[in-house]
Amino acid sequence: MEISIENSPNESKLKSMNVFNWPIWTKEISEFPWEYDAQETCYMIEGEVIVTPENQSPVQINKNDLVIFPSGMKCTWKILKDVKKYYKFG
């Protein structure tokens, strides 16, 4: 159960996934635990985060990353720069 990250996917891929019509989530610098009860795909518009899955190494996520978090994953989010992202569950 790992986080999948694609750095700077091209715009045609994002459009084909309909990313720009997904809801937007924002969060200020903070640290909190999180559990994914469904797979989440997100595209980082702004921000810098270190996500540490339970019993795994930390993963850095930055602006322009396309990220897939697996369902059932427990982790800690540490937001280093305010986050703004498109997201979709399922």
PDB file of N, CA and C in Angstrom:
ATOM      1  N   MET A   1       0.858  -1.179   0.000  1.00  0.00           N
ATOM      2  CA  MET A   1       0.000   0.000   0.000  1.00  0.00           C
ATOM      3  C   MET A   1       0.900   1.237   0.000  1.00  0.00           C
ATOM      4  N   GLU A   2       1.139   1.780  -1.186  1.00  0.00           N
ATOM      5  CA  GLU A   2       2.056   2.903  -1.300  1.00  0.00           C
ATOM      6  C   GLU A   2       1.406   4.085  -1.985  1.00  0.00           C
ATOM      7  N   ILE A   3       1.970   5.257  -1.705  1.00  0.00           N
ATOM      8  CA  ILE A   3       1.543   6.494  -2.353  1.00  0.00           C
ATOM      9  C   ILE A   3       2.193   6.541  -3.733  1.00  0.00           C
ATOM     10  N   SER A   4       1.396   6.842  -4.750  1.00  0.00           N
ATOM     11  CA  SER A   4       1.910   6.970  -6.112  1.00  0.00           C
ATOM     12  C   SER A   4       2.008   8.451  -6.454  1.00  0.00           C
ATOM     13  N   ILE A   5       3.172   8.890  -6.950  1.00  0.00           N
ATOM     14  CA  ILE A   5       3.361  10.305  -7.291  1.00  0.00           C
ATOM     15  C   ILE A   5       3.878  10.419  -8.719  1.00  0.00           C
ATOM     16  N   GLU A   6       3.234  11.270  -9.489  1.00  0.00           N
ATOM     17  CA  GLU A   6       3.716  11.611 -10.828  1.00  0.00           C
ATOM     18  C   GLU A   6       4.036  13.098 -10.815  1.00  0.00           C
ATOM     19  N   ASN A   7       5.307  13.434 -11.062  1.00  0.00           N
ATOM     20  CA  ASN A   7       5.733  14.832 -11.047  1.00  0.00           C
ATOM     21  C   ASN A   7       5.375  15.509 -12.362  1.00  0.00           C
ATOM     22  N   SER A   8       4.704  16.639 -12.265  1.00  0.00           N
ATOM     23  CA  SER A   8       4.379  17.490 -13.407  1.00  0.00           C
ATOM     24  C   SER A   8       3.803  16.740 -14.607  1.00  0.00           C
ATOM     25  N   PRO A   9       2.651  16.053 -14.413  1.00  0.00           N
ATOM     26  CA  PRO A   9       2.014  15.412 -15.581  1.00  0.00           C
ATOM     27  C   PRO A   9       1.616  16.470 -16.598  1.00  0.00           C
ATOM     28  N   ASN A  10       1.553  16.077 -17.883  1.00  0.00           N
ATOM     29  CA  ASN A  10       1.215  17.086 -18.886  1.00  0.00           C
ATOM     30  C   ASN A  10      -0.269  17.449 -18.806  1.00  0.00           C
ATOM     31  N   GLU A  11      -0.567  18.635 -19.315  1.00  0.00           N
ATOM     32  CA  GLU A  11      -1.915  19.184 -19.178  1.00  0.00           C
ATOM     33  C   GLU A  11      -2.967  18.332 -19.877  1.00  0.00           C
ATOM     34  N   SER A  12      -2.599  17.688 -20.991  1.00  0.00           N
ATOM     35  CA  SER A  12      -3.585  16.855 -21.693  1.00  0.00           C
ATOM     36  C   SER A  12      -4.003  15.668 -20.819  1.00  0.00           C
ATOM     37  N   LYS A  13      -3.073  15.115 -20.045  1.00  0.00           N
ATOM     38  CA  LYS A  13      -3.426  14.024 -19.135  1.00  0.00           C
ATOM     39  C   LYS A  13      -4.383  14.531 -18.057  1.00  0.00           C
ATOM     40  N   LEU A  14      -4.063  15.687 -17.482  1.00  0.00           N
ATOM     41  CA  LEU A  14      -4.927  16.258 -16.436  1.00  0.00           C
ATOM     42  C   LEU A  14      -6.323  16.544 -16.982  1.00  0.00           C
ATOM     43  N   LYS A  15      -6.392  17.077 -18.205  1.00  0.00           N
ATOM     44  CA  LYS A  15      -7.702  17.362 -18.813  1.00  0.00           C
ATOM     45  C   LYS A  15      -8.468  16.070 -19.077  1.00  0.00           C
ATOM     46  N   SER A  16      -7.762  15.034 -19.521  1.00  0.00           N
ATOM     47  CA  SER A  16      -8.452  13.770 -19.811  1.00  0.00           C
ATOM     48  C   SER A  16      -8.992  13.136 -18.530  1.00  0.00           C
ATOM     49  N   MET A  17      -8.345  13.424 -17.405  1.00  0.00           N
ATOM     50  CA  MET A  17      -8.819  12.925 -16.114  1.00  0.00           C
ATOM     51  C   MET A  17      -9.888  13.839 -15.503  1.00  0.00           C
ATOM     52  N   ASN A  18     -10.134  14.987 -16.158  1.00  0.00           N
ATOM     53  CA  ASN A  18     -11.139  15.955 -15.707  1.00  0.00           C
ATOM     54  C   ASN A  18     -10.738  16.657 -14.392  1.00  0.00           C
ATOM     55  N   VAL A  19      -9.424  16.700 -14.127  1.00  0.00           N
ATOM     56  CA  VAL A  19      -8.901  17.232 -12.865  1.00  0.00           C
ATOM     57  C   VAL A  19      -9.420  18.633 -12.554  1.00  0.00           C
ATOM     58  N   PHE A  20      -9.499  19.487 -13.586  1.00  0.00           N
ATOM     59  CA  PHE A  20      -9.823  20.892 -13.333  1.00  0.00           C
ATOM     60  C   PHE A  20     -11.290  21.117 -12.961  1.00  0.00           C
ATOM     61  N   ASN A  21     -12.082  20.044 -12.972  1.00  0.00           N
ATOM     62  CA  ASN A  21     -13.475  20.130 -12.502  1.00  0.00           C
ATOM     63  C   ASN A  21     -13.666  19.498 -11.128  1.00  0.00           C
ATOM     64  N   TRP A  22     -12.593  18.960 -10.535  1.00  0.00           N
ATOM     65  CA  TRP A  22     -12.701  18.363  -9.207  1.00  0.00           C
ATOM     66  C   TRP A  22     -12.813  19.464  -8.153  1.00  0.00           C
ATOM     67  N   PRO A  23     -13.328  19.137  -6.971  1.00  0.00           N
ATOM     68  CA  PRO A  23     -13.363  20.119  -5.880  1.00  0.00           C
ATOM     69  C   PRO A  23     -11.935  20.503  -5.478  1.00  0.00           C
ATOM     70  N   ILE A  24     -11.822  21.653  -4.831  1.00  0.00           N
ATOM     71  CA  ILE A  24     -10.524  22.130  -4.340  1.00  0.00           C
ATOM     72  C   ILE A  24     -10.530  22.105  -2.822  1.00  0.00           C
ATOM     73  N   TRP A  25      -9.411  21.631  -2.242  1.00  0.00           N
ATOM     74  CA  TRP A  25      -9.229  21.583  -0.791  1.00  0.00           C
ATOM     75  C   TRP A  25      -8.030  22.446  -0.450  1.00  0.00           C
ATOM     76  N   THR A  26      -8.151  23.252   0.605  1.00  0.00           N
ATOM     77  CA  THR A  26      -7.038  24.079   1.060  1.00  0.00           C
ATOM     78  C   THR A  26      -6.795  23.833   2.541  1.00  0.00           C
ATOM     79  N   LYS A  27      -5.547  23.988   2.949  1.00  0.00           N
ATOM     80  CA  LYS A  27      -5.191  23.811   4.361  1.00  0.00           C
ATOM     81  C   LYS A  27      -3.905  24.578   4.643  1.00  0.00           C
ATOM     82  N   GLU A  28      -3.882  25.240   5.804  1.00  0.00           N
ATOM     83  CA  GLU A  28      -2.707  26.007   6.200  1.00  0.00           C
ATOM     84  C   GLU A  28      -1.645  25.078   6.792  1.00  0.00           C
ATOM     85  N   ILE A  29      -0.482  25.634   7.068  1.00  0.00           N
ATOM     86  CA  ILE A  29       0.613  24.891   7.696  1.00  0.00           C
ATOM     87  C   ILE A  29       0.109  24.251   8.983  1.00  0.00           C
ATOM     88  N   SER A  30       0.281  22.931   9.084  1.00  0.00           N
ATOM     89  CA  SER A  30      -0.235  22.181  10.241  1.00  0.00           C
ATOM     90  C   SER A  30       0.281  20.750  10.170  1.00  0.00           C
ATOM     91  N   GLU A  31      -0.064  19.971  11.191  1.00  0.00           N
ATOM     92  CA  GLU A  31       0.280  18.545  11.204  1.00  0.00           C
ATOM     93  C   GLU A  31      -0.896  17.799  11.819  1.00  0.00           C
ATOM     94  N   PHE A  32      -1.321  16.705  11.163  1.00  0.00           N
ATOM     95  CA  PHE A  32      -2.490  15.967  11.644  1.00  0.00           C
ATOM     96  C   PHE A  32      -2.484  14.533  11.111  1.00  0.00           C
ATOM     97  N   PRO A  33      -3.107  13.615  11.854  1.00  0.00           N
ATOM     98  CA  PRO A  33      -3.247  12.232  11.369  1.00  0.00           C
ATOM     99  C   PRO A  33      -4.398  12.146  10.374  1.00  0.00           C
ATOM    100  N   TRP A  34      -4.311  11.184   9.449  1.00  0.00           N
ATOM    101  CA  TRP A  34      -5.371  11.004   8.450  1.00  0.00           C
ATOM    102  C   TRP A  34      -5.475   9.538   8.073  1.00  0.00           C
ATOM    103  N   GLU A  35      -6.702   9.105   7.788  1.00  0.00           N
ATOM    104  CA  GLU A  35      -6.918   7.743   7.287  1.00  0.00           C
ATOM    105  C   GLU A  35      -7.798   7.823   6.051  1.00  0.00           C
ATOM    106  N   TYR A  36      -7.390   7.125   4.988  1.00  0.00           N
ATOM    107  CA  TYR A  36      -8.141   7.132   3.726  1.00  0.00           C
ATOM    108  C   TYR A  36      -9.113   5.963   3.721  1.00  0.00           C
ATOM    109  N   ASP A  37     -10.420   6.274   3.752  1.00  0.00           N
ATOM    110  CA  ASP A  37     -11.423   5.207   3.683  1.00  0.00           C
ATOM    111  C   ASP A  37     -11.806   4.895   2.239  1.00  0.00           C
ATOM    112  N   ALA A  38     -11.252   5.678   1.310  1.00  0.00           N
ATOM    113  CA  ALA A  38     -11.398   5.419  -0.131  1.00  0.00           C
ATOM    114  C   ALA A  38     -10.130   5.928  -0.805  1.00  0.00           C
ATOM    115  N   GLN A  39      -9.843   5.400  -1.996  1.00  0.00           N
ATOM    116  CA  GLN A  39      -8.687   5.919  -2.729  1.00  0.00           C
ATOM    117  C   GLN A  39      -8.904   7.384  -3.050  1.00  0.00           C
ATOM    118  N   GLU A  40      -7.870   8.194  -2.887  1.00  0.00           N
ATOM    119  CA  GLU A  40      -7.950   9.606  -3.278  1.00  0.00           C
ATOM    120  C   GLU A  40      -6.895   9.883  -4.326  1.00  0.00           C
ATOM    121  N   THR A  41      -7.312  10.574  -5.395  1.00  0.00           N
ATOM    122  CA  THR A  41      -6.389  11.098  -6.389  1.00  0.00           C
ATOM    123  C   THR A  41      -6.420  12.614  -6.234  1.00  0.00           C
ATOM    124  N   CYS A  42      -5.242  13.240  -6.195  1.00  0.00           N
ATOM    125  CA  CYS A  42      -5.231  14.696  -6.079  1.00  0.00           C
ATOM    126  C   CYS A  42      -4.112  15.285  -6.930  1.00  0.00           C
ATOM    127  N   TYR A  43      -4.306  16.556  -7.265  1.00  0.00           N
ATOM    128  CA  TYR A  43      -3.309  17.308  -8.025  1.00  0.00           C
ATOM    129  C   TYR A  43      -2.991  18.569  -7.241  1.00  0.00           C
ATOM    130  N   MET A  44      -1.727  18.715  -6.844  1.00  0.00           N
ATOM    131  CA  MET A  44      -1.301  19.829  -6.003  1.00  0.00           C
ATOM    132  C   MET A  44      -1.143  21.102  -6.838  1.00  0.00           C
ATOM    133  N   ILE A  45      -1.945  22.109  -6.527  1.00  0.00           N
ATOM    134  CA  ILE A  45      -1.843  23.402  -7.200  1.00  0.00           C
ATOM    135  C   ILE A  45      -0.787  24.257  -6.492  1.00  0.00           C
ATOM    136  N   GLU A  46      -0.774  24.166  -5.165  1.00  0.00           N
ATOM    137  CA  GLU A  46       0.183  24.904  -4.350  1.00  0.00           C
ATOM    138  C   GLU A  46       0.538  24.054  -3.139  1.00  0.00           C
ATOM    139  N   GLY A  47       1.705  24.334  -2.561  1.00  0.00           N
ATOM    140  CA  GLY A  47       2.029  23.729  -1.287  1.00  0.00           C
ATOM    141  C   GLY A  47       3.183  22.757  -1.302  1.00  0.00           C
ATOM    142  N   GLU A  48       3.504  22.326  -0.095  1.00  0.00           N
ATOM    143  CA  GLU A  48       4.566  21.346   0.135  1.00  0.00           C
ATOM    144  C   GLU A  48       4.183  20.566   1.382  1.00  0.00           C
ATOM    145  N   VAL A  49       4.178  19.235   1.265  1.00  0.00           N
ATOM    146  CA  VAL A  49       3.705  18.364   2.340  1.00  0.00           C
ATOM    147  C   VAL A  49       4.660  17.189   2.501  1.00  0.00           C
ATOM    148  N   ILE A  50       4.820  16.746   3.731  1.00  0.00           N
ATOM    149  CA  ILE A  50       5.468  15.463   3.976  1.00  0.00           C
ATOM    150  C   ILE A  50       4.392  14.548   4.565  1.00  0.00           C
ATOM    151  N   VAL A  51       4.106  13.470   3.843  1.00  0.00           N
ATOM    152  CA  VAL A  51       3.122  12.487   4.298  1.00  0.00           C
ATOM    153  C   VAL A  51       3.894  11.249   4.755  1.00  0.00           C
ATOM    154  N   THR A  52       3.627  10.832   5.999  1.00  0.00           N
ATOM    155  CA  THR A  52       4.301   9.657   6.537  1.00  0.00           C
ATOM    156  C   THR A  52       3.279   8.558   6.787  1.00  0.00           C
ATOM    157  N   PRO A  53       3.219   7.558   5.885  1.00  0.00           N
ATOM    158  CA  PRO A  53       2.314   6.423   6.099  1.00  0.00           C
ATOM    159  C   PRO A  53       2.772   5.604   7.307  1.00  0.00           C
ATOM    160  N   GLU A  54       1.806   4.992   7.982  1.00  0.00           N
ATOM    161  CA  GLU A  54       2.107   4.145   9.136  1.00  0.00           C
ATOM    162  C   GLU A  54       3.112   3.064   8.733  1.00  0.00           C
ATOM    163  N   ASN A  55       4.194   2.942   9.505  1.00  0.00           N
ATOM    164  CA  ASN A  55       5.233   1.933   9.290  1.00  0.00           C
ATOM    165  C   ASN A  55       5.939   2.030   7.936  1.00  0.00           C
ATOM    166  N   GLN A  56       5.970   3.243   7.355  1.00  0.00           N
ATOM    167  CA  GLN A  56       6.675   3.448   6.085  1.00  0.00           C
ATOM    168  C   GLN A  56       7.483   4.746   6.151  1.00  0.00           C
ATOM    169  N   SER A  57       8.322   4.951   5.161  1.00  0.00           N
ATOM    170  CA  SER A  57       9.144   6.154   5.093  1.00  0.00           C
ATOM    171  C   SER A  57       8.310   7.358   4.665  1.00  0.00           C
ATOM    172  N   PRO A  58       8.707   8.559   5.111  1.00  0.00           N
ATOM    173  CA  PRO A  58       8.015   9.785   4.697  1.00  0.00           C
ATOM    174  C   PRO A  58       8.123  10.006   3.191  1.00  0.00           C
ATOM    175  N   VAL A  59       7.089  10.634   2.630  1.00  0.00           N
ATOM    176  CA  VAL A  59       7.036  10.941   1.196  1.00  0.00           C
ATOM    177  C   VAL A  59       6.797  12.449   1.056  1.00  0.00           C
ATOM    178  N   GLN A  60       7.614  13.103   0.239  1.00  0.00           N
ATOM    179  CA  GLN A  60       7.431  14.538   0.002  1.00  0.00           C
ATOM    180  C   GLN A  60       6.536  14.743  -1.213  1.00  0.00           C
ATOM    181  N   ILE A  61       5.563  15.651  -1.064  1.00  0.00           N
ATOM    182  CA  ILE A  61       4.630  15.978  -2.146  1.00  0.00           C
ATOM    183  C   ILE A  61       4.697  17.485  -2.351  1.00  0.00           C
ATOM    184  N   ASN A  62       4.827  17.896  -3.615  1.00  0.00           N
ATOM    185  CA  ASN A  62       5.024  19.299  -3.942  1.00  0.00           C
ATOM    186  C   ASN A  62       4.028  19.777  -4.991  1.00  0.00           C
ATOM    187  N   LYS A  63       4.065  21.086  -5.229  1.00  0.00           N
ATOM    188  CA  LYS A  63       3.268  21.708  -6.284  1.00  0.00           C
ATOM    189  C   LYS A  63       3.469  20.954  -7.594  1.00  0.00           C
ATOM    190  N   ASN A  64       2.388  20.774  -8.349  1.00  0.00           N
ATOM    191  CA  ASN A  64       2.362  20.106  -9.661  1.00  0.00           C
ATOM    192  C   ASN A  64       2.510  18.589  -9.596  1.00  0.00           C
ATOM    193  N   ASP A  65       2.380  17.994  -8.403  1.00  0.00           N
ATOM    194  CA  ASP A  65       2.403  16.536  -8.287  1.00  0.00           C
ATOM    195  C   ASP A  65       0.985  15.982  -8.406  1.00  0.00           C
ATOM    196  N   LEU A  66       0.847  14.895  -9.158  1.00  0.00           N
ATOM    197  CA  LEU A  66      -0.391  14.132  -9.236  1.00  0.00           C
ATOM    198  C   LEU A  66      -0.193  12.924  -8.323  1.00  0.00           C
ATOM    199  N   VAL A  67      -1.045  12.787  -7.314  1.00  0.00           N
ATOM    200  CA  VAL A  67      -0.805  11.829  -6.243  1.00  0.00           C
ATOM    201  C   VAL A  67      -2.006  10.909  -6.075  1.00  0.00           C
ATOM    202  N   ILE A  68      -1.740   9.618  -5.846  1.00  0.00           N
ATOM    203  CA  ILE A  68      -2.801   8.661  -5.519  1.00  0.00           C
ATOM    204  C   ILE A  68      -2.506   8.069  -4.141  1.00  0.00           C
ATOM    205  N   PHE A  69      -3.447   8.264  -3.224  1.00  0.00           N
ATOM    206  CA  PHE A  69      -3.369   7.680  -1.888  1.00  0.00           C
ATOM    207  C   PHE A  69      -4.267   6.448  -1.865  1.00  0.00           C
ATOM    208  N   PRO A  70      -3.743   5.290  -1.448  1.00  0.00           N
ATOM    209  CA  PRO A  70      -4.560   4.070  -1.457  1.00  0.00           C
ATOM    210  C   PRO A  70      -5.595   4.037  -0.341  1.00  0.00           C
ATOM    211  N   SER A  71      -6.709   3.398  -0.611  1.00  0.00           N
ATOM    212  CA  SER A  71      -7.753   3.205   0.390  1.00  0.00           C
ATOM    213  C   SER A  71      -7.197   2.403   1.558  1.00  0.00           C
ATOM    214  N   GLY A  72      -7.552   2.803   2.773  1.00  0.00           N
ATOM    215  CA  GLY A  72      -7.133   2.084   3.966  1.00  0.00           C
ATOM    216  C   GLY A  72      -5.822   2.561   4.561  1.00  0.00           C
ATOM    217  N   MET A  73      -5.142   3.472   3.882  1.00  0.00           N
ATOM    218  CA  MET A  73      -3.857   3.951   4.382  1.00  0.00           C
ATOM    219  C   MET A  73      -4.035   4.904   5.560  1.00  0.00           C
ATOM    220  N   LYS A  74      -3.262   4.681   6.632  1.00  0.00           N
ATOM    221  CA  LYS A  74      -3.200   5.600   7.763  1.00  0.00           C
ATOM    222  C   LYS A  74      -1.880   6.341   7.665  1.00  0.00           C
ATOM    223  N   CYS A  75      -1.916   7.656   7.901  1.00  0.00           N
ATOM    224  CA  CYS A  75      -0.709   8.444   7.730  1.00  0.00           C
ATOM    225  C   CYS A  75      -0.779   9.715   8.567  1.00  0.00           C
ATOM    226  N   THR A  76       0.332  10.440   8.573  1.00  0.00           N
ATOM    227  CA  THR A  76       0.373  11.764   9.180  1.00  0.00           C
ATOM    228  C   THR A  76       0.738  12.764   8.092  1.00  0.00           C
ATOM    229  N   TRP A  77      -0.041  13.836   8.015  1.00  0.00           N
ATOM    230  CA  TRP A  77       0.241  14.929   7.092  1.00  0.00           C
ATOM    231  C   TRP A  77       0.978  16.010   7.858  1.00  0.00           C
ATOM    232  N   LYS A  78       2.120  16.446   7.323  1.00  0.00           N
ATOM    233  CA  LYS A  78       2.830  17.601   7.860  1.00  0.00           C
ATOM    234  C   LYS A  78       2.936  18.620   6.734  1.00  0.00           C
ATOM    235  N   ILE A  79       2.131  19.677   6.818  1.00  0.00           N
ATOM    236  CA  ILE A  79       2.082  20.695   5.772  1.00  0.00           C
ATOM    237  C   ILE A  79       3.142  21.753   6.071  1.00  0.00           C
ATOM    238  N   LEU A  80       4.107  21.885   5.141  1.00  0.00           N
ATOM    239  CA  LEU A  80       5.205  22.833   5.301  1.00  0.00           C
ATOM    240  C   LEU A  80       4.901  24.171   4.641  1.00  0.00           C
ATOM    241  N   LYS A  81       4.139  24.138   3.539  1.00  0.00           N
ATOM    242  CA  LYS A  81       3.667  25.353   2.857  1.00  0.00           C
ATOM    243  C   LYS A  81       2.187  25.142   2.580  1.00  0.00           C
ATOM    244  N   ASP A  82       1.384  26.181   2.770  1.00  0.00           N
ATOM    245  CA  ASP A  82      -0.074  26.079   2.611  1.00  0.00           C
ATOM    246  C   ASP A  82      -0.442  25.305   1.342  1.00  0.00           C
ATOM    247  N   VAL A  83      -1.415  24.397   1.494  1.00  0.00           N
ATOM    248  CA  VAL A  83      -1.806  23.494   0.410  1.00  0.00           C
ATOM    249  C   VAL A  83      -3.090  23.963  -0.259  1.00  0.00           C
ATOM    250  N   LYS A  84      -3.088  23.816  -1.581  1.00  0.00           N
ATOM    251  CA  LYS A  84      -4.301  23.969  -2.391  1.00  0.00           C
ATOM    252  C   LYS A  84      -4.235  22.845  -3.404  1.00  0.00           C
ATOM    253  N   LYS A  85      -5.264  21.996  -3.448  1.00  0.00           N
ATOM    254  CA  LYS A  85      -5.224  20.843  -4.351  1.00  0.00           C
ATOM    255  C   LYS A  85      -6.611  20.533  -4.887  1.00  0.00           C
ATOM    256  N   TYR A  86      -6.624  19.991  -6.116  1.00  0.00           N
ATOM    257  CA  TYR A  86      -7.821  19.356  -6.654  1.00  0.00           C
ATOM    258  C   TYR A  86      -7.836  17.933  -6.105  1.00  0.00           C
ATOM    259  N   TYR A  87      -9.021  17.405  -5.819  1.00  0.00           N
ATOM    260  CA  TYR A  87      -9.066  16.030  -5.292  1.00  0.00           C
ATOM    261  C   TYR A  87     -10.315  15.309  -5.740  1.00  0.00           C
ATOM    262  N   LYS A  88     -10.209  13.964  -5.720  1.00  0.00           N
ATOM    263  CA  LYS A  88     -11.339  13.089  -6.082  1.00  0.00           C
ATOM    264  C   LYS A  88     -11.200  11.802  -5.316  1.00  0.00           C
ATOM    265  N   PHE A  89     -12.289  11.332  -4.748  1.00  0.00           N
ATOM    266  CA  PHE A  89     -12.300  10.023  -4.058  1.00  0.00           C
ATOM    267  C   PHE A  89     -12.897   8.965  -4.970  1.00  0.00           C
ATOM    268  N   GLY A  90     -12.370   7.741  -4.867  1.00  0.00           N
ATOM    269  CA  GLY A  90     -12.920   6.630  -5.623  1.00  0.00           C
ATOM    270  C   GLY A  90     -12.160   6.339  -6.870  1.00  0.00           C
TER     271      GLY A  90
END
